[in-house]
Structures are given as C-alpha cells and as structure tokens.
Amino acid sequence: MSQDEILFHLGEVQSKLLEDASDVAVPVRMNIAAALLHLQMFDRAKPLYAQIVSKKPAFNPAHLGMIDCALGMQDFDAALALADDALARWPRNQALLSRRVVALARLGDREPATVAASQLASSSKVQDEATWIRTAKVLGDVGLPAVAEQMLSRITSFCSLCEVI
C-alpha cells in the first residue's frame, strides 16, 4: 500500500470518527490522532483531540495532543492558552509545563519562559527525559542557553545511566 493510499484511508477513518458521537471510539480516536500528529498533519489531528477532550476532559494525553498540534501549527498563543488551561487541572505535570515553556519561548516571552523553565527544572524528579531535552533545545534556539543548560544539568543529575557513562 502506498503512502497516498494510507493517508487516504486515514482520512476516511478520521471523517467517520468525527461523525461518530459515541464514547466507544475514544481509544481509536486517540490512536488515529497520534498517528496524524506523528505525520505532522496537525490540522487533521486537532479535531480528533478536541473531540476526545470534549468527551473525556480528564484525559491528559488528549490535552497534550491539542497543545502539540497548536505548537506544530506555530499557533503559540493557542498552545500557551491550552497549556495554561490544562495546568489549572494538573499544575505539576511536567509534560504540560514543558509545552508551556516552549510556547512562551517561541512567543519571545523570555522572562516568563525562564521562570516557567526554572519551575520545571525545580521538579523533584525528571519524569520524561526526552521532553526535557526537546524543551532545552527550544530554549537554546531562542537564545536562552543558560536556562537550557540548567534543564540539561537536572536531567543528568537524575539519570542513573548518566552516572555509568
């Protein structure tokens, strides 16, 4: 099956899921939305994530998907608003804090990005090293290398494998 055929079928499944109002298809919606996000088809993934959030507002991964779509579409204001909304429910969630840092940094809000990154770096435990590394890369890209270095040093202080290396 060619990539075009796969994309065509993904589109058909997406359309059917958007028409289906039942809660039964939430896991399928999530998988299709994640696949579309991975393929950087943010405009097609976003409505599926929105549908999941409307049906299951306490389902954190759908909120993360919505934020990732906004970041991927370079709608940093929307990403920040979505992150802030989700952080009201889960204030210590590192993945949400990380995405908030990225949105602030991409908006050019250096001081709030630095404060948010410091809040993230003060976490007692690193839950997802890849998220921290991506966040540190964005901070370095926007001219905040000292903040990026602070995040990376926290990763190495928590990483048991780093002690071996």
Protein backbone atom coordinates (compact mmCIF):
# COMPACT_ATOMS: atom_id res chain seq x y z
CA MET A 1 0.00 0.00 0.00
CA SER A 2 1.43 3.38 -0.96
CA GLN A 3 1.75 6.34 1.39
CA ASP A 4 -1.01 8.13 -0.53
CA GLU A 5 -3.35 5.17 -0.04
CA ILE A 6 -2.55 5.05 3.66
CA LEU A 7 -3.23 8.76 4.01
CA PHE A 8 -6.48 8.36 2.09
CA HIS A 9 -7.63 5.61 4.46
CA LEU A 10 -6.54 7.62 7.50
CA GLY A 11 -8.67 10.48 6.19
CA GLU A 12 -11.68 8.17 5.78
CA VAL A 13 -11.29 6.85 9.32
CA GLN A 14 -10.86 10.38 10.65
CA SER A 15 -14.07 11.52 8.92
CA LYS A 16 -16.04 8.60 10.34
CA LEU A 17 -14.69 9.21 13.83
CA LEU A 18 -15.63 12.88 13.67
CA GLU A 19 -19.18 11.89 12.68
CA ASP A 20 -19.45 9.29 15.47
CA ALA A 21 -20.57 10.90 18.74
CA SER A 22 -20.16 7.78 20.90
CA ASP A 23 -17.58 7.35 23.63
CA VAL A 24 -16.76 3.85 22.43
CA ALA A 25 -14.28 5.02 19.80
CA VAL A 26 -12.13 7.16 22.14
CA PRO A 27 -9.13 4.76 22.04
CA VAL A 28 -9.38 4.58 18.25
CA ARG A 29 -9.64 8.38 18.04
CA MET A 30 -6.56 8.69 20.21
CA ASN A 31 -4.54 6.27 18.07
CA ILE A 32 -5.56 7.93 14.81
CA ALA A 33 -4.91 11.41 16.24
CA ALA A 34 -1.47 10.30 17.46
CA ALA A 35 -0.66 8.86 14.02
CA LEU A 36 -1.75 12.10 12.33
CA LEU A 37 0.29 14.12 14.82
CA HIS A 38 3.32 11.94 14.15
CA LEU A 39 2.83 12.55 10.41
CA GLN A 40 2.71 16.30 11.19
CA MET A 41 -0.86 16.51 9.92
CA PHE A 42 -1.76 18.84 12.76
CA ASP A 43 -4.91 20.26 11.16
CA ARG A 44 -6.32 16.74 10.86
CA ALA A 45 -5.23 15.53 14.31
CA LYS A 46 -6.52 18.59 16.17
CA PRO A 47 -10.28 17.94 15.73
CA LEU A 48 -9.87 14.35 16.93
CA TYR A 49 -8.03 15.50 20.04
CA ALA A 50 -10.69 18.19 20.59
CA GLN A 51 -13.40 15.56 20.34
CA ILE A 52 -11.62 13.39 22.93
CA VAL A 53 -11.19 16.35 25.29
CA SER A 54 -14.89 17.18 24.99
CA LYS A 55 -15.84 13.58 25.83
CA LYS A 56 -13.16 12.87 28.42
CA PRO A 57 -11.93 16.19 29.87
CA ALA A 58 -9.78 14.39 32.45
CA PHE A 59 -7.82 12.50 29.78
CA ASN A 60 -4.48 14.28 29.91
CA PRO A 61 -2.91 12.77 26.74
CA ALA A 62 -5.61 14.39 24.60
CA HIS A 63 -4.78 17.78 26.10
CA LEU A 64 -1.11 17.19 25.30
CA GLY A 65 -2.06 16.29 21.73
CA MET A 66 -4.06 19.50 21.36
CA ILE A 67 -1.10 21.54 22.59
CA ASP A 68 1.30 19.66 20.29
CA CYS A 69 -0.99 20.39 17.33
CA ALA A 70 -1.01 24.10 18.18
CA LEU A 71 2.80 24.10 18.55
CA GLY A 72 3.18 22.22 15.27
CA MET A 73 0.92 24.75 13.53
CA GLN A 74 3.06 27.51 15.10
CA ASP A 75 0.00 28.89 16.87
CA PHE A 76 1.96 29.61 20.02
CA ASP A 77 -0.77 31.79 21.59
CA ALA A 78 -3.22 28.89 21.32
CA ALA A 79 -0.60 26.44 22.64
CA LEU A 80 0.00 28.67 25.64
CA ALA A 81 -3.73 29.05 26.34
CA LEU A 82 -4.26 25.29 26.06
CA ALA A 83 -1.28 24.58 28.33
CA ASP A 84 -2.49 27.08 30.92
CA ASP A 85 -5.98 25.56 30.86
CA ALA A 86 -4.62 22.05 31.33
CA LEU A 87 -2.17 23.20 34.04
CA ALA A 88 -5.12 24.52 36.03
CA ARG A 89 -6.20 20.88 36.33
CA TRP A 90 -2.71 19.29 36.55
CA PRO A 91 -0.38 22.00 37.94
CA ARG A 92 2.68 19.79 38.40
CA ASN A 93 2.51 17.89 35.13
CA GLN A 94 5.98 18.12 33.60
CA ALA A 95 4.81 17.47 30.04
CA LEU A 96 2.35 20.37 30.29
CA LEU A 97 4.91 22.64 31.95
CA SER A 98 7.40 21.78 29.22
CA ARG A 99 4.95 22.69 26.46
CA ARG A 100 4.15 25.95 28.27
CA VAL A 101 7.86 26.78 28.33
CA VAL A 102 8.12 26.04 24.60
CA ALA A 103 5.09 28.22 23.77
CA LEU A 104 6.43 31.12 25.85
CA ALA A 105 9.90 30.79 24.33
CA ARG A 106 8.53 30.68 20.78
CA LEU A 107 6.41 33.76 21.53
CA GLY A 108 9.60 35.55 22.56
CA ASP A 109 8.46 35.94 26.18
CA ARG A 110 11.95 35.34 27.55
CA GLU A 111 11.34 36.23 31.21
CA PRO A 112 8.16 34.13 31.62
CA ALA A 113 9.83 31.29 29.69
CA THR A 114 12.81 31.44 32.04
CA VAL A 115 10.56 31.44 35.12
CA ALA A 116 8.50 28.51 33.77
CA ALA A 117 11.66 26.58 32.84
CA SER A 118 13.05 27.16 36.34
CA GLN A 119 9.78 25.86 37.79
CA LEU A 120 10.11 22.76 35.63
CA ALA A 121 13.79 22.33 36.49
CA SER A 122 12.96 22.53 40.20
CA SER A 123 10.89 19.35 39.95
CA SER A 124 11.98 16.71 42.41
CA LYS A 125 12.19 14.09 39.66
CA VAL A 126 12.56 14.07 35.88
CA GLN A 127 9.61 12.08 34.51
CA ASP A 128 10.42 12.23 30.79
CA GLU A 129 13.97 12.96 29.73
CA ALA A 130 13.04 13.34 26.05
CA THR A 131 10.54 16.10 26.88
CA TRP A 132 13.16 17.95 28.91
CA ILE A 133 15.74 17.61 26.13
CA ARG A 134 13.30 18.96 23.50
CA THR A 135 12.45 21.86 25.82
CA ALA A 136 16.13 22.61 26.43
CA LYS A 137 16.75 22.61 22.66
CA VAL A 138 13.99 25.18 22.09
CA LEU A 139 15.36 27.34 24.91
CA GLY A 140 18.81 27.22 23.31
CA ASP A 141 17.32 28.00 19.89
CA VAL A 142 15.60 31.15 21.17
CA GLY A 143 18.71 32.50 22.89
CA LEU A 144 18.33 31.16 26.42
CA PRO A 145 21.34 28.82 26.62
CA ALA A 146 21.85 29.25 30.37
CA VAL A 147 18.28 28.11 31.05
CA ALA A 148 18.73 25.22 28.61
CA GLU A 149 21.92 24.23 30.42
CA GLN A 150 20.08 24.33 33.77
CA MET A 151 17.49 21.88 32.43
CA LEU A 152 20.10 19.57 30.94
CA SER A 153 22.10 19.52 34.18
CA ARG A 154 18.93 18.48 36.06
CA ILE A 155 18.45 15.60 33.63
CA THR A 156 21.99 14.32 34.20
CA SER A 157 21.60 14.65 37.98
CA PHE A 158 18.55 12.35 37.88
CA CYS A 159 19.62 9.99 35.12
CA SER A 160 21.00 6.78 36.59
CA LEU A 161 22.53 5.82 33.23
CA CYS A 162 24.44 9.11 33.12
CA GLU A 163 26.40 8.01 36.23
CA VAL A 164 27.61 4.94 34.37
CA ILE A 165 28.68 6.85 31.25
